[in-house]
Protein backbone atom coordinates (compact mmCIF):
# COMPACT_ATOMS: atom_id res chain seq x y z
CA MET A 1 86.73 84.12 49.63
CA THR A 2 89.26 83.91 46.82
CA GLU A 3 88.57 86.00 43.75
CA HIS A 4 89.15 84.40 40.36
CA HIS A 5 90.77 86.64 37.75
CA GLU A 6 90.59 84.99 34.38
CA ASP A 7 93.46 85.59 32.03
CA PRO A 8 92.13 86.86 28.66
CA SER A 9 94.44 84.42 26.89
CA ASP A 10 92.62 81.50 28.60
CA GLU A 11 89.54 82.11 26.48
CA ARG A 12 91.61 82.21 23.30
CA ILE A 13 93.35 78.95 24.20
CA GLU A 14 90.00 77.29 24.94
CA GLU A 15 88.63 78.47 21.58
CA GLU A 16 91.71 77.17 19.72
CA THR A 17 91.52 73.84 21.55
CA ALA A 18 87.82 73.46 20.75
CA SER A 19 88.51 74.32 17.13
CA LEU A 20 91.28 71.72 16.87
CA LEU A 21 89.24 69.00 18.55
CA ALA A 22 86.23 69.70 16.35
CA GLY A 23 88.21 69.24 13.14
CA PRO A 24 87.60 66.14 11.01
CA GLU A 25 91.17 64.84 11.45
CA ALA A 26 90.97 65.09 15.24
CA LEU A 27 87.62 63.33 15.27
CA ARG A 28 89.07 60.48 13.16
CA ASP A 29 92.07 60.22 15.50
CA LEU A 30 89.87 60.18 18.60
CA THR A 31 87.62 57.51 17.07
CA ALA A 32 90.63 55.39 16.11
CA ALA A 33 92.08 55.74 19.61
CA ARG A 34 88.78 54.74 21.20
CA ASP A 35 88.61 51.67 18.95
CA GLU A 36 92.21 50.69 19.78
CA ILE A 37 91.51 50.96 23.51
CA ALA A 38 88.37 48.83 23.08
CA ARG A 39 90.54 46.15 21.41
CA GLY A 40 93.00 46.29 24.29
CA GLU A 41 95.70 47.97 22.21
CA GLY A 42 96.02 51.06 24.38
CA VAL A 43 98.28 51.77 27.32
CA ARG A 44 97.58 53.81 30.42
CA GLY A 45 99.98 55.43 32.79
CA VAL A 46 103.60 56.47 32.81
CA GLU A 47 104.90 53.04 33.76
CA ALA A 48 103.07 51.40 30.85
CA VAL A 49 104.61 53.89 28.42
CA ARG A 50 108.07 53.40 29.92
CA ALA A 51 107.68 49.65 29.49
CA LEU A 52 107.32 50.22 25.73
CA ARG A 53 110.77 51.81 25.50
CA PRO A 54 113.65 49.56 24.50
CA ARG A 55 116.07 48.93 27.32
CA ALA A 56 119.33 50.82 26.94
CA ASP A 57 122.46 48.77 26.37
CA PRO A 58 124.68 49.46 29.43
CA ALA A 59 127.81 49.03 27.29
CA ALA A 60 126.62 51.70 24.87
CA SER A 61 126.14 54.24 27.65
CA ARG A 62 129.69 53.93 29.02
CA ARG A 63 132.01 56.76 28.19
CA GLY A 64 135.59 55.95 27.54
């Protein structure tokens, strides 16, 4: 059986994360994000995010 040795910093990170997520600003952001997704305004996945990027101009990337 594998023993699990918890890093003491893990608990601190979890506490900081919980504190950030419990803040009023984070709760507003999470609610807004949930509403945007419900309206179909959200994207999921790496490919969807990449599709949002403007295509690079091949002429601009040439070095001369």
